[in-house]
PDB file of all heavy atoms in Angstrom:
ATOM      1  N   SER A   1     -25.547   2.970  40.428  1.00  0.00           N
ATOM      2  CA  SER A   1     -24.831   2.821  39.065  1.00  0.00           C
ATOM      3  C   SER A   1     -25.703   2.169  37.961  1.00  0.00           C
ATOM      4  O   SER A   1     -26.652   1.423  38.238  1.00  0.00           O
ATOM      5  CB  SER A   1     -23.570   1.984  39.260  1.00  0.00           C
ATOM      6  OG  SER A   1     -23.825   0.713  39.601  1.00  0.00           O
ATOM      7  N   ASP A   2     -25.244   2.421  36.736  1.00  0.00           N
ATOM      8  CA  ASP A   2     -25.805   1.874  35.564  1.00  0.00           C
ATOM      9  C   ASP A   2     -24.801   1.013  34.859  1.00  0.00           C
ATOM     10  O   ASP A   2     -23.820   1.542  34.377  1.00  0.00           O
ATOM     11  CB  ASP A   2     -26.425   2.967  34.562  1.00  0.00           C
ATOM     12  CG  ASP A   2     -26.891   2.340  33.259  1.00  0.00           C
ATOM     13  OD1 ASP A   2     -27.362   1.211  33.268  1.00  0.00           O
ATOM     14  OD2 ASP A   2     -26.818   3.094  32.272  1.00  0.00           O
ATOM     15  N   ASN A   3     -25.018  -0.271  34.795  1.00  0.00           N
ATOM     16  CA  ASN A   3     -24.007  -1.108  34.194  1.00  0.00           C
ATOM     17  C   ASN A   3     -24.700  -1.886  32.893  1.00  0.00           C
ATOM     18  O   ASN A   3     -25.790  -2.504  33.070  1.00  0.00           O
ATOM     19  CB  ASN A   3     -23.572  -2.204  35.074  1.00  0.00           C
ATOM     20  CG  ASN A   3     -22.744  -1.574  36.189  1.00  0.00           C
ATOM     21  OD1 ASN A   3     -21.805  -0.814  35.968  1.00  0.00           O
ATOM     22  ND2 ASN A   3     -23.071  -1.907  37.472  1.00  0.00           N
ATOM     23  N   GLU A   4     -24.107  -1.807  31.765  1.00  0.00           N
ATOM     24  CA  GLU A   4     -24.611  -2.393  30.582  1.00  0.00           C
ATOM     25  C   GLU A   4     -23.516  -3.392  30.088  1.00  0.00           C
ATOM     26  O   GLU A   4     -22.378  -2.928  29.670  1.00  0.00           O
ATOM     27  CB  GLU A   4     -24.991  -1.360  29.530  1.00  0.00           C
ATOM     28  CG  GLU A   4     -25.996  -0.352  30.088  1.00  0.00           C
ATOM     29  CD  GLU A   4     -26.274   0.703  28.984  1.00  0.00           C
ATOM     30  OE1 GLU A   4     -26.282   0.398  27.808  1.00  0.00           O
ATOM     31  OE2 GLU A   4     -26.563   1.883  29.449  1.00  0.00           O
ATOM     32  N   ASP A   5     -23.870  -4.646  29.968  1.00  0.00           N
ATOM     33  CA  ASP A   5     -22.866  -5.702  29.446  1.00  0.00           C
ATOM     34  C   ASP A   5     -23.425  -6.409  28.220  1.00  0.00           C
ATOM     35  O   ASP A   5     -24.632  -6.567  28.042  1.00  0.00           O
ATOM     36  CB  ASP A   5     -22.709  -6.656  30.647  1.00  0.00           C
ATOM     37  CG  ASP A   5     -22.124  -6.101  31.902  1.00  0.00           C
ATOM     38  OD1 ASP A   5     -20.889  -6.023  31.929  1.00  0.00           O
ATOM     39  OD2 ASP A   5     -22.852  -5.633  32.718  1.00  0.00           O
ATOM     40  N   ALA A   6     -22.534  -6.890  27.515  1.00  0.00           N
ATOM     41  CA  ALA A   6     -22.746  -7.766  26.333  1.00  0.00           C
ATOM     42  C   ALA A   6     -21.670  -8.809  26.182  1.00  0.00           C
ATOM     43  O   ALA A   6     -20.492  -8.467  26.254  1.00  0.00           O
ATOM     44  CB  ALA A   6     -22.936  -6.911  25.085  1.00  0.00           C
ATOM     45  N   VAL A   7     -22.052  -9.963  25.940  1.00  0.00           N
ATOM     46  CA  VAL A   7     -21.161 -11.068  25.622  1.00  0.00           C
ATOM     47  C   VAL A   7     -21.403 -11.504  24.077  1.00  0.00           C
ATOM     48  O   VAL A   7     -22.583 -11.774  23.770  1.00  0.00           O
ATOM     49  CB  VAL A   7     -21.248 -12.344  26.573  1.00  0.00           C
ATOM     50  CG1 VAL A   7     -20.425 -13.539  26.102  1.00  0.00           C
ATOM     51  CG2 VAL A   7     -21.033 -11.943  27.951  1.00  0.00           C
ATOM     52  N   VAL A   8     -20.389 -11.403  23.342  1.00  0.00           N
ATOM     53  CA  VAL A   8     -20.521 -11.611  21.893  1.00  0.00           C
ATOM     54  C   VAL A   8     -19.718 -12.859  21.485  1.00  0.00           C
ATOM     55  O   VAL A   8     -18.583 -12.989  21.687  1.00  0.00           O
ATOM     56  CB  VAL A   8     -20.044 -10.452  21.067  1.00  0.00           C
ATOM     57  CG1 VAL A   8     -20.309 -10.584  19.576  1.00  0.00           C
ATOM     58  CG2 VAL A   8     -20.684  -9.123  21.555  1.00  0.00           C
ATOM     59  N   LEU A   9     -20.369 -13.823  20.923  1.00  0.00           N
ATOM     60  CA  LEU A   9     -19.819 -15.027  20.416  1.00  0.00           C
ATOM     61  C   LEU A   9     -19.721 -14.912  18.917  1.00  0.00           C
ATOM     62  O   LEU A   9     -20.787 -14.726  18.230  1.00  0.00           O
ATOM     63  CB  LEU A   9     -20.631 -16.263  20.796  1.00  0.00           C
ATOM     64  CG  LEU A   9     -20.041 -17.618  20.051  1.00  0.00           C
ATOM     65  CD1 LEU A   9     -18.614 -17.932  20.395  1.00  0.00           C
ATOM     66  CD2 LEU A   9     -20.956 -18.710  20.265  1.00  0.00           C
ATOM     67  N   SER A  10     -18.575 -14.888  18.281  1.00  0.00           N
ATOM     68  CA  SER A  10     -18.386 -14.681  16.791  1.00  0.00           C
ATOM     69  C   SER A  10     -17.965 -16.012  16.202  1.00  0.00           C
ATOM     70  O   SER A  10     -17.042 -16.626  16.802  1.00  0.00           O
ATOM     71  CB  SER A  10     -17.341 -13.556  16.498  1.00  0.00           C
ATOM     72  OG  SER A  10     -17.704 -12.396  17.078  1.00  0.00           O
ATOM     73  N   ILE A  11     -18.544 -16.483  15.147  1.00  0.00           N
ATOM     74  CA  ILE A  11     -18.111 -17.620  14.383  1.00  0.00           C
ATOM     75  C   ILE A  11     -17.908 -17.206  12.872  1.00  0.00           C
ATOM     76  O   ILE A  11     -18.782 -16.645  12.276  1.00  0.00           O
ATOM     77  CB  ILE A  11     -19.283 -18.682  14.383  1.00  0.00           C
ATOM     78  CG1 ILE A  11     -19.549 -19.128  15.914  1.00  0.00           C
ATOM     79  CG2 ILE A  11     -18.839 -19.938  13.643  1.00  0.00           C
ATOM     80  CD1 ILE A  11     -20.751 -20.014  15.950  1.00  0.00           C
ATOM     81  N   ALA A  12     -16.732 -17.526  12.400  1.00  0.00           N
ATOM     82  CA  ALA A  12     -16.383 -17.035  11.120  1.00  0.00           C
ATOM     83  C   ALA A  12     -15.653 -18.108  10.362  1.00  0.00           C
ATOM     84  O   ALA A  12     -14.927 -18.991  10.868  1.00  0.00           O
ATOM     85  CB  ALA A  12     -15.484 -15.798  11.225  1.00  0.00           C
ATOM     86  N   ARG A  13     -15.695 -17.987   9.048  1.00  0.00           N
ATOM     87  CA  ARG A  13     -15.015 -18.935   8.181  1.00  0.00           C
ATOM     88  C   ARG A  13     -14.446 -18.205   6.897  1.00  0.00           C
ATOM     89  O   ARG A  13     -15.208 -17.338   6.312  1.00  0.00           O
ATOM     90  CB  ARG A  13     -15.879 -20.084   7.733  1.00  0.00           C
ATOM     91  CG  ARG A  13     -15.271 -21.029   6.674  1.00  0.00           C
ATOM     92  CD  ARG A  13     -16.088 -22.279   6.493  1.00  0.00           C
ATOM     93  NE  ARG A  13     -15.451 -23.205   5.621  1.00  0.00           N
ATOM     94  CZ  ARG A  13     -15.942 -24.337   5.207  1.00  0.00           C
ATOM     95  NH1 ARG A  13     -17.063 -24.763   5.760  1.00  0.00           N
ATOM     96  NH2 ARG A  13     -15.342 -25.141   4.436  1.00  0.00           N
ATOM     97  N   ASP A  14     -13.212 -18.542   6.507  1.00  0.00           N
ATOM     98  CA  ASP A  14     -12.626 -17.930   5.322  1.00  0.00           C
ATOM     99  C   ASP A  14     -12.787 -18.932   4.174  1.00  0.00           C
ATOM    100  O   ASP A  14     -12.128 -19.846   4.160  1.00  0.00           O
ATOM    101  CB  ASP A  14     -11.169 -17.608   5.641  1.00  0.00           C
ATOM    102  CG  ASP A  14     -10.635 -16.771   4.461  1.00  0.00           C
ATOM    103  OD1 ASP A  14     -11.278 -16.352   3.680  1.00  0.00           O
ATOM    104  OD2 ASP A  14      -9.292 -16.633   4.465  1.00  0.00           O
ATOM    105  N   ASN A  15     -13.554 -18.612   3.273  1.00  0.00           N
ATOM    106  CA  ASN A  15     -13.852 -19.437   2.105  1.00  0.00           C
ATOM    107  C   ASN A  15     -12.872 -19.053   0.974  1.00  0.00           C
ATOM    108  O   ASN A  15     -12.870 -18.001   0.521  1.00  0.00           O
ATOM    109  CB  ASN A  15     -15.297 -19.317   1.598  1.00  0.00           C
ATOM    110  CG  ASN A  15     -16.292 -19.711   2.684  1.00  0.00           C
ATOM    111  OD1 ASN A  15     -16.541 -20.903   2.932  1.00  0.00           O
ATOM    112  ND2 ASN A  15     -16.861 -18.696   3.268  1.00  0.00           N
ATOM    113  N   LYS A  16     -12.053 -20.061   0.638  1.00  0.00           N
ATOM    114  CA  LYS A  16     -11.043 -19.795  -0.477  1.00  0.00           C
ATOM    115  C   LYS A  16     -11.300 -20.535  -1.676  1.00  0.00           C
ATOM    116  O   LYS A  16     -11.670 -21.828  -1.516  1.00  0.00           O
ATOM    117  CB  LYS A  16      -9.755 -20.142   0.058  1.00  0.00           C
ATOM    118  CG  LYS A  16      -9.207 -19.235   1.308  1.00  0.00           C
ATOM    119  CD  LYS A  16      -7.799 -19.650   1.559  1.00  0.00           C
ATOM    120  CE  LYS A  16      -7.326 -18.687   2.869  1.00  0.00           C
ATOM    121  NZ  LYS A  16      -5.989 -19.077   3.228  1.00  0.00           N
ATOM    122  N   PHE A  17     -11.175 -20.003  -2.927  1.00  0.00           N
ATOM    123  CA  PHE A  17     -11.284 -20.841  -4.151  1.00  0.00           C
ATOM    124  C   PHE A  17     -10.455 -20.112  -5.159  1.00  0.00           C
ATOM    125  O   PHE A  17     -10.022 -18.985  -5.030  1.00  0.00           O
ATOM    126  CB  PHE A  17     -12.786 -20.791  -4.517  1.00  0.00           C
ATOM    127  CG  PHE A  17     -13.347 -19.516  -4.893  1.00  0.00           C
ATOM    128  CD1 PHE A  17     -13.305 -18.916  -6.087  1.00  0.00           C
ATOM    129  CD2 PHE A  17     -13.974 -18.748  -3.821  1.00  0.00           C
ATOM    130  CE1 PHE A  17     -13.953 -17.750  -6.355  1.00  0.00           C
ATOM    131  CE2 PHE A  17     -14.612 -17.559  -4.140  1.00  0.00           C
ATOM    132  CZ  PHE A  17     -14.527 -17.010  -5.322  1.00  0.00           C
ATOM    133  N   THR A  18     -10.165 -20.920  -6.187  1.00  0.00           N
ATOM    134  CA  THR A  18      -9.190 -20.402  -7.251  1.00  0.00           C
ATOM    135  C   THR A  18     -10.042 -20.001  -8.464  1.00  0.00           C
ATOM    136  O   THR A  18     -10.822 -20.693  -8.936  1.00  0.00           O
ATOM    137  CB  THR A  18      -8.309 -21.540  -7.664  1.00  0.00           C
ATOM    138  OG1 THR A  18      -7.528 -21.968  -6.601  1.00  0.00           O
ATOM    139  CG2 THR A  18      -7.303 -21.032  -8.848  1.00  0.00           C
ATOM    140  N   LEU A  19      -9.756 -18.766  -8.878  1.00  0.00           N
ATOM    141  CA  LEU A  19     -10.455 -18.160 -10.053  1.00  0.00           C
ATOM    142  C   LEU A  19      -9.503 -18.312 -11.293  1.00  0.00           C
ATOM    143  O   LEU A  19      -8.463 -17.798 -11.331  1.00  0.00           O
ATOM    144  CB  LEU A  19     -10.807 -16.758  -9.777  1.00  0.00           C
ATOM    145  CG  LEU A  19     -11.631 -16.031 -10.943  1.00  0.00           C
ATOM    146  CD1 LEU A  19     -12.936 -16.746 -11.024  1.00  0.00           C
ATOM    147  CD2 LEU A  19     -11.805 -14.620 -10.575  1.00  0.00           C
ATOM    148  N   ASP A  20      -9.898 -19.073 -12.254  1.00  0.00           N
ATOM    149  CA  ASP A  20      -9.035 -19.392 -13.443  1.00  0.00           C
ATOM    150  C   ASP A  20      -9.551 -18.411 -14.602  1.00  0.00           C
ATOM    151  O   ASP A  20     -10.776 -18.568 -14.996  1.00  0.00           O
ATOM    152  CB  ASP A  20      -9.246 -20.930 -13.837  1.00  0.00           C
ATOM    153  CG  ASP A  20      -8.260 -21.259 -14.884  1.00  0.00           C
ATOM    154  OD1 ASP A  20      -7.599 -20.400 -15.523  1.00  0.00           O
ATOM    155  OD2 ASP A  20      -8.070 -22.430 -15.209  1.00  0.00           O
ATOM    156  N   TRP A  21      -8.740 -17.599 -15.056  1.00  0.00           N
ATOM    157  CA  TRP A  21      -8.943 -16.693 -16.106  1.00  0.00           C
ATOM    158  C   TRP A  21      -8.819 -17.375 -17.416  1.00  0.00           C
ATOM    159  O   TRP A  21      -9.060 -16.530 -18.449  1.00  0.00           O
ATOM    160  CB  TRP A  21      -8.073 -15.482 -15.933  1.00  0.00           C
ATOM    161  CG  TRP A  21      -8.366 -14.590 -14.704  1.00  0.00           C
ATOM    162  CD1 TRP A  21      -7.633 -14.689 -13.581  1.00  0.00           C
ATOM    163  CD2 TRP A  21      -9.305 -13.691 -14.521  1.00  0.00           C
ATOM    164  NE1 TRP A  21      -8.139 -13.837 -12.627  1.00  0.00           N
ATOM    165  CE2 TRP A  21      -9.281 -13.118 -13.204  1.00  0.00           C
ATOM    166  CE3 TRP A  21     -10.461 -13.213 -15.366  1.00  0.00           C
ATOM    167  CZ2 TRP A  21     -10.127 -12.208 -12.677  1.00  0.00           C
ATOM    168  CZ3 TRP A  21     -11.274 -12.180 -14.718  1.00  0.00           C
ATOM    169  CH2 TRP A  21     -11.150 -11.755 -13.457  1.00  0.00           C
ATOM    170  N   GLY A  22      -8.532 -18.602 -17.572  1.00  0.00           N
ATOM    171  CA  GLY A  22      -8.602 -19.284 -18.838  1.00  0.00           C
ATOM    172  C   GLY A  22      -7.536 -18.829 -19.725  1.00  0.00           C
ATOM    173  O   GLY A  22      -6.337 -18.960 -19.619  1.00  0.00           O
ATOM    174  N   TRP A  23      -8.005 -18.103 -20.818  1.00  0.00           N
ATOM    175  CA  TRP A  23      -7.086 -17.725 -21.936  1.00  0.00           C
ATOM    176  C   TRP A  23      -6.006 -16.857 -21.495  1.00  0.00           C
ATOM    177  O   TRP A  23      -4.981 -16.589 -22.280  1.00  0.00           O
ATOM    178  CB  TRP A  23      -7.872 -17.095 -23.033  1.00  0.00           C
ATOM    179  CG  TRP A  23      -8.602 -15.782 -22.666  1.00  0.00           C
ATOM    180  CD1 TRP A  23      -9.824 -15.727 -22.020  1.00  0.00           C
ATOM    181  CD2 TRP A  23      -8.198 -14.481 -22.700  1.00  0.00           C
ATOM    182  NE1 TRP A  23     -10.125 -14.420 -21.796  1.00  0.00           N
ATOM    183  CE2 TRP A  23      -9.222 -13.640 -22.301  1.00  0.00           C
ATOM    184  CE3 TRP A  23      -6.943 -13.941 -23.287  1.00  0.00           C
ATOM    185  CZ2 TRP A  23      -8.956 -12.257 -22.188  1.00  0.00           C
ATOM    186  CZ3 TRP A  23      -6.826 -12.547 -23.219  1.00  0.00           C
ATOM    187  CH2 TRP A  23      -7.824 -11.705 -22.703  1.00  0.00           C
ATOM    188  N   LEU A  24      -6.141 -16.173 -20.303  1.00  0.00           N
ATOM    189  CA  LEU A  24      -5.065 -15.352 -19.821  1.00  0.00           C
ATOM    190  C   LEU A  24      -3.986 -16.091 -19.156  1.00  0.00           C
ATOM    191  O   LEU A  24      -2.915 -15.649 -18.801  1.00  0.00           O
ATOM    192  CB  LEU A  24      -5.592 -14.306 -18.820  1.00  0.00           C
ATOM    193  CG  LEU A  24      -6.461 -13.279 -19.459  1.00  0.00           C
ATOM    194  CD1 LEU A  24      -7.010 -12.313 -18.319  1.00  0.00           C
ATOM    195  CD2 LEU A  24      -5.623 -12.394 -20.393  1.00  0.00           C
ATOM    196  N   TYR A  25      -4.091 -17.451 -19.038  1.00  0.00           N
ATOM    197  CA  TYR A  25      -3.230 -18.376 -18.369  1.00  0.00           C
ATOM    198  C   TYR A  25      -2.873 -17.842 -16.943  1.00  0.00           C
ATOM    199  O   TYR A  25      -1.671 -17.821 -16.566  1.00  0.00           O
ATOM    200  CB  TYR A  25      -1.940 -18.578 -19.201  1.00  0.00           C
ATOM    201  CG  TYR A  25      -2.269 -19.125 -20.507  1.00  0.00           C
ATOM    202  CD1 TYR A  25      -2.225 -18.239 -21.618  1.00  0.00           C
ATOM    203  CD2 TYR A  25      -2.577 -20.428 -20.664  1.00  0.00           C
ATOM    204  CE1 TYR A  25      -2.560 -18.787 -22.835  1.00  0.00           C
ATOM    205  CE2 TYR A  25      -2.831 -20.935 -21.967  1.00  0.00           C
ATOM    206  CZ  TYR A  25      -2.773 -20.102 -23.079  1.00  0.00           C
ATOM    207  OH  TYR A  25      -3.066 -20.614 -24.303  1.00  0.00           O
ATOM    208  N   TYR A  26      -3.873 -17.405 -16.294  1.00  0.00           N
ATOM    209  CA  TYR A  26      -3.661 -16.746 -14.960  1.00  0.00           C
ATOM    210  C   TYR A  26      -4.683 -17.338 -13.954  1.00  0.00           C
ATOM    211  O   TYR A  26      -5.927 -17.229 -14.251  1.00  0.00           O
ATOM    212  CB  TYR A  26      -3.743 -15.303 -15.035  1.00  0.00           C
ATOM    213  CG  TYR A  26      -3.546 -14.574 -13.783  1.00  0.00           C
ATOM    214  CD1 TYR A  26      -2.376 -14.440 -13.050  1.00  0.00           C
ATOM    215  CD2 TYR A  26      -4.701 -13.854 -13.177  1.00  0.00           C
ATOM    216  CE1 TYR A  26      -2.286 -13.830 -11.924  1.00  0.00           C
ATOM    217  CE2 TYR A  26      -4.545 -13.052 -11.993  1.00  0.00           C
ATOM    218  CZ  TYR A  26      -3.312 -13.089 -11.368  1.00  0.00           C
ATOM    219  OH  TYR A  26      -3.216 -12.482 -10.151  1.00  0.00           O
ATOM    220  N   LYS A  27      -4.259 -17.721 -12.834  1.00  0.00           N
ATOM    221  CA  LYS A  27      -5.038 -18.209 -11.711  1.00  0.00           C
ATOM    222  C   LYS A  27      -4.878 -17.285 -10.512  1.00  0.00           C
ATOM    223  O   LYS A  27      -3.771 -16.947 -10.184  1.00  0.00           O
ATOM    224  CB  LYS A  27      -4.822 -19.672 -11.321  1.00  0.00           C
ATOM    225  CG  LYS A  27      -5.128 -20.606 -12.494  1.00  0.00           C
ATOM    226  CD  LYS A  27      -4.890 -22.048 -12.037  1.00  0.00           C
ATOM    227  CE  LYS A  27      -5.209 -22.979 -13.137  1.00  0.00           C
ATOM    228  NZ  LYS A  27      -4.955 -24.419 -12.719  1.00  0.00           N
ATOM    229  N   GLU A  28      -5.959 -16.955  -9.871  1.00  0.00           N
ATOM    230  CA  GLU A  28      -6.022 -16.110  -8.692  1.00  0.00           C
ATOM    231  C   GLU A  28      -6.709 -16.741  -7.578  1.00  0.00           C
ATOM    232  O   GLU A  28      -7.914 -17.255  -7.750  1.00  0.00           O
ATOM    233  CB  GLU A  28      -6.564 -14.773  -9.082  1.00  0.00           C
ATOM    234  CG  GLU A  28      -6.447 -13.689  -7.949  1.00  0.00           C
ATOM    235  CD  GLU A  28      -7.000 -12.396  -8.355  1.00  0.00           C
ATOM    236  OE1 GLU A  28      -7.503 -12.258  -9.498  1.00  0.00           O
ATOM    237  OE2 GLU A  28      -6.845 -11.460  -7.511  1.00  0.00           O
ATOM    238  N   THR A  29      -6.176 -16.758  -6.408  1.00  0.00           N
ATOM    239  CA  THR A  29      -6.959 -17.257  -5.086  1.00  0.00           C
ATOM    240  C   THR A  29      -7.727 -16.143  -4.610  1.00  0.00           C
ATOM    241  O   THR A  29      -7.282 -14.988  -4.316  1.00  0.00           O
ATOM    242  CB  THR A  29      -5.926 -17.699  -4.130  1.00  0.00           C
ATOM    243  OG1 THR A  29      -5.069 -18.784  -4.722  1.00  0.00           O
ATOM    244  CG2 THR A  29      -6.615 -18.195  -2.893  1.00  0.00           C
ATOM    245  N   VAL A  30      -9.029 -16.453  -4.418  1.00  0.00           N
ATOM    246  CA  VAL A  30     -10.016 -15.497  -3.965  1.00  0.00           C
ATOM    247  C   VAL A  30     -10.479 -15.913  -2.522  1.00  0.00           C
ATOM    248  O   VAL A  30     -10.775 -17.136  -2.336  1.00  0.00           O
ATOM    249  CB  VAL A  30     -11.177 -15.303  -4.868  1.00  0.00           C
ATOM    250  CG1 VAL A  30     -12.234 -14.379  -4.382  1.00  0.00           C
ATOM    251  CG2 VAL A  30     -10.737 -14.899  -6.247  1.00  0.00           C
ATOM    252  N   GLU A  31     -10.528 -15.028  -1.587  1.00  0.00           N
ATOM    253  CA  GLU A  31     -11.010 -15.225  -0.238  1.00  0.00           C
ATOM    254  C   GLU A  31     -12.263 -14.518  -0.014  1.00  0.00           C
ATOM    255  O   GLU A  31     -12.447 -13.238  -0.277  1.00  0.00           O
ATOM    256  CB  GLU A  31     -10.000 -14.745   0.766  1.00  0.00           C
ATOM    257  CG  GLU A  31      -8.678 -15.496   0.693  1.00  0.00           C
ATOM    258  CD  GLU A  31      -7.716 -15.012   1.829  1.00  0.00           C
ATOM    259  OE1 GLU A  31      -8.161 -14.829   2.993  1.00  0.00           O
ATOM    260  OE2 GLU A  31      -6.482 -14.816   1.548  1.00  0.00           O
ATOM    261  N   VAL A  32     -13.248 -15.246   0.481  1.00  0.00           N
ATOM    262  CA  VAL A  32     -14.644 -14.705   0.785  1.00  0.00           C
ATOM    263  C   VAL A  32     -14.960 -15.137   2.227  1.00  0.00           C
ATOM    264  O   VAL A  32     -15.618 -16.151   2.441  1.00  0.00           O
ATOM    265  CB  VAL A  32     -15.678 -15.081  -0.217  1.00  0.00           C
ATOM    266  CG1 VAL A  32     -17.037 -14.555   0.156  1.00  0.00           C
ATOM    267  CG2 VAL A  32     -15.315 -14.896  -1.575  1.00  0.00           C
ATOM    268  N   PRO A  33     -14.522 -14.267   3.187  1.00  0.00           N
ATOM    269  CA  PRO A  33     -14.860 -14.678   4.527  1.00  0.00           C
ATOM    270  C   PRO A  33     -16.314 -14.280   4.941  1.00  0.00           C
ATOM    271  O   PRO A  33     -16.843 -13.315   4.434  1.00  0.00           O
ATOM    272  CB  PRO A  33     -13.836 -13.781   5.411  1.00  0.00           C
ATOM    273  CG  PRO A  33     -13.571 -12.616   4.475  1.00  0.00           C
ATOM    274  CD  PRO A  33     -13.707 -13.185   3.120  1.00  0.00           C
ATOM    275  N   ILE A  34     -16.804 -15.113   5.723  1.00  0.00           N
ATOM    276  CA  ILE A  34     -18.239 -14.829   6.324  1.00  0.00           C
ATOM    277  C   ILE A  34     -18.214 -14.982   7.728  1.00  0.00           C
ATOM    278  O   ILE A  34     -17.370 -15.840   8.377  1.00  0.00           O
ATOM    279  CB  ILE A  34     -19.234 -15.793   5.645  1.00  0.00           C
ATOM    280  CG1 ILE A  34     -18.958 -17.204   5.883  1.00  0.00           C
ATOM    281  CG2 ILE A  34     -19.412 -15.545   4.130  1.00  0.00           C
ATOM    282  CD1 ILE A  34     -20.063 -18.189   5.510  1.00  0.00           C
ATOM    283  N   GLY A  35     -19.034 -14.273   8.481  1.00  0.00           N
ATOM    284  CA  GLY A  35     -19.089 -14.437   9.946  1.00  0.00           C
ATOM    285  C   GLY A  35     -20.473 -14.054  10.562  1.00  0.00           C
ATOM    286  O   GLY A  35     -21.238 -13.334   9.861  1.00  0.00           O
ATOM    287  N   ILE A  36     -20.654 -14.408  11.720  1.00  0.00           N
ATOM    288  CA  ILE A  36     -22.043 -14.159  12.408  1.00  0.00           C
ATOM    289  C   ILE A  36     -21.722 -13.947  13.860  1.00  0.00           C
ATOM    290  O   ILE A  36     -20.814 -14.538  14.411  1.00  0.00           O
ATOM    291  CB  ILE A  36     -22.917 -15.354  12.187  1.00  0.00           C
ATOM    292  CG1 ILE A  36     -24.331 -15.047  12.767  1.00  0.00           C
ATOM    293  CG2 ILE A  36     -22.416 -16.616  12.782  1.00  0.00           C
ATOM    294  CD1 ILE A  36     -25.409 -15.989  12.452  1.00  0.00           C
ATOM    295  N   ASN A  37     -22.456 -13.022  14.451  1.00  0.00           N
ATOM    296  CA  ASN A  37     -22.307 -12.709  15.952  1.00  0.00           C
ATOM    297  C   ASN A  37     -23.598 -13.014  16.592  1.00  0.00           C
ATOM    298  O   ASN A  37     -24.691 -12.842  16.114  1.00  0.00           O
ATOM    299  CB  ASN A  37     -22.072 -11.167  16.100  1.00  0.00           C
ATOM    300  CG  ASN A  37     -20.670 -10.679  15.795  1.00  0.00           C
ATOM    301  OD1 ASN A  37     -19.771 -11.458  15.893  1.00  0.00           O
ATOM    302  ND2 ASN A  37     -20.557  -9.464  15.540  1.00  0.00           N
ATOM    303  N   PHE A  38     -23.450 -13.734  17.797  1.00  0.00           N
ATOM    304  CA  PHE A  38     -24.505 -14.056  18.625  1.00  0.00           C
ATOM    305  C   PHE A  38     -24.251 -13.186  20.000  1.00  0.00           C
ATOM    306  O   PHE A  38     -23.246 -13.296  20.542  1.00  0.00           O
ATOM    307  CB  PHE A  38     -24.581 -15.424  18.988  1.00  0.00           C
ATOM    308  CG  PHE A  38     -24.848 -16.345  17.831  1.00  0.00           C
ATOM    309  CD1 PHE A  38     -23.818 -16.964  17.158  1.00  0.00           C
ATOM    310  CD2 PHE A  38     -26.138 -16.617  17.438  1.00  0.00           C
ATOM    311  CE1 PHE A  38     -24.036 -17.791  15.963  1.00  0.00           C
ATOM    312  CE2 PHE A  38     -26.425 -17.336  16.309  1.00  0.00           C
ATOM    313  CZ  PHE A  38     -25.365 -18.026  15.532  1.00  0.00           C
ATOM    314  N   LYS A  39     -25.226 -12.426  20.369  1.00  0.00           N
ATOM    315  CA  LYS A  39     -25.086 -11.513  21.479  1.00  0.00           C
ATOM    316  C   LYS A  39     -26.063 -11.790  22.610  1.00  0.00           C
ATOM    317  O   LYS A  39     -27.222 -12.021  22.377  1.00  0.00           O
ATOM    318  CB  LYS A  39     -25.311 -10.013  20.983  1.00  0.00           C
ATOM    319  CG  LYS A  39     -24.315  -9.665  19.837  1.00  0.00           C
ATOM    320  CD  LYS A  39     -24.624  -8.241  19.431  1.00  0.00           C
ATOM    321  CE  LYS A  39     -23.754  -7.777  18.339  1.00  0.00           C
ATOM    322  NZ  LYS A  39     -24.143  -6.422  17.773  1.00  0.00           N
ATOM    323  N   ILE A  40     -25.571 -11.731  23.854  1.00  0.00           N
ATOM    324  CA  ILE A  40     -26.391 -11.734  25.086  1.00  0.00           C
ATOM    325  C   ILE A  40     -26.156 -10.387  25.759  1.00  0.00           C
ATOM    326  O   ILE A  40     -24.948 -10.063  26.080  1.00  0.00           O
ATOM    327  CB  ILE A  40     -25.996 -12.868  25.933  1.00  0.00           C
ATOM    328  CG1 ILE A  40     -26.169 -14.219  25.204  1.00  0.00           C
ATOM    329  CG2 ILE A  40     -26.837 -12.830  27.261  1.00  0.00           C
ATOM    330  CD1 ILE A  40     -25.761 -15.409  26.006  1.00  0.00           C
ATOM    331  N   ILE A  41     -27.203  -9.627  25.903  1.00  0.00           N
ATOM    332  CA  ILE A  41     -27.109  -8.338  26.414  1.00  0.00           C
ATOM    333  C   ILE A  41     -27.830  -8.179  27.814  1.00  0.00           C
ATOM    334  O   ILE A  41     -28.910  -8.706  27.944  1.00  0.00           O
ATOM    335  CB  ILE A  41     -27.730  -7.264  25.463  1.00  0.00           C
ATOM    336  CG1 ILE A  41     -27.031  -7.420  24.075  1.00  0.00           C
ATOM    337  CG2 ILE A  41     -27.568  -5.764  25.941  1.00  0.00           C
ATOM    338  CD1 ILE A  41     -27.766  -6.706  23.016  1.00  0.00           C
ATOM    339  N   HIS A  42     -27.166  -7.527  28.725  1.00  0.00           N
ATOM    340  CA  HIS A  42     -27.775  -7.289  30.080  1.00  0.00           C
ATOM    341  C   HIS A  42     -27.511  -5.961  30.615  1.00  0.00           C
ATOM    342  O   HIS A  42     -26.464  -5.329  30.405  1.00  0.00           O
ATOM    343  CB  HIS A  42     -27.143  -8.285  31.003  1.00  0.00           C
ATOM    344  CG  HIS A  42     -27.559  -8.098  32.516  1.00  0.00           C
ATOM    345  ND1 HIS A  42     -28.764  -8.590  32.950  1.00  0.00           N
ATOM    346  CD2 HIS A  42     -27.001  -7.467  33.593  1.00  0.00           C
ATOM    347  CE1 HIS A  42     -28.971  -8.251  34.306  1.00  0.00           C
ATOM    348  NE2 HIS A  42     -27.819  -7.531  34.656  1.00  0.00           N
ATOM    349  N   GLN A  43     -28.596  -5.331  31.104  1.00  0.00           N
ATOM    350  CA  GLN A  43     -28.545  -3.965  31.697  1.00  0.00           C
ATOM    351  C   GLN A  43     -29.189  -3.915  32.964  1.00  0.00           C
ATOM    352  O   GLN A  43     -30.263  -4.523  33.221  1.00  0.00           O
ATOM    353  CB  GLN A  43     -29.198  -2.999  30.754  1.00  0.00           C
ATOM    354  CG  GLN A  43     -29.125  -1.535  31.286  1.00  0.00           C
ATOM    355  CD  GLN A  43     -29.729  -0.507  30.306  1.00  0.00           C
ATOM    356  OE1 GLN A  43     -30.428  -0.862  29.392  1.00  0.00           O
ATOM    357  NE2 GLN A  43     -29.528   0.775  30.673  1.00  0.00           N
TER     358      GLN A  43
END
C-alpha cells in the first residue's frame, strides 16, 4: 500500500480596527484575518 499523511497546525488571528470616515460621520469596523500553516508530511 501507499500511504501519504500530513499533520497541519494552523495559527490565525482576526485583526479588527475601526475606520473613521470623518466628515461622513460614519465609522466602520474592519476585519483583517491572517493565518499560517505548519505542515509535517510523511509518505
